[in-house]
């Protein structure tokens, strides 16, 4: 949600609550009842709107700080606008909040967390593909092992003449064995592991 949309939503809720209170007070005898008064003045409405604005600003500030932390956690530079926008888009698409959000690469797949692996151990992944994946922010076996069909499509769109290799060479299953350190399982299914 953008800042303006969030503010408008909260303001609409406050105005609705104020109107309901006014209508209820009038339906139950109104302000003429002894000891019962609902302040319907512009001052009261202004104070309510100001309170909502303050809450909205606090929420917006918390979200901004959280998004900055998510971008930093992904390894991007604080002034990396593209990484910030990618993270914001992922948060809005998922309907989630930035706090604790999954850090994403520029193409929208989960980012790596930890030291890079030797991706060339995956059968069918040579030096050119390795360079391409590294440029996309893909550097770890566990990252590849966790890909969804949507993630595969996003990466595949950037592989040029190597398009289709992810599925054809079964990168996800290979990466799963390698991420777990299951060399015996890998070699039983895919052959001897290259150095």
Foldseek 3Di string as FASTA:
>chain_A
DDLVVQLVVLLVVLVVVLVVVQVVQVVVPHPVDPPDHDDPDPVVSVVSSVVSVVVSVVVVVVLVVLLLVLLVQLVHDSPPVLQSVLLVVVCVVVVHTSHVDFRAFSLNAGADHDDFDPLCLQPPQDDVNQVQCVVRRHGALVSLLPDDPVNLVSSLVSPVVCRPCCVVSVSNVLSVCVNVVVQVVNCVVPNHGDD
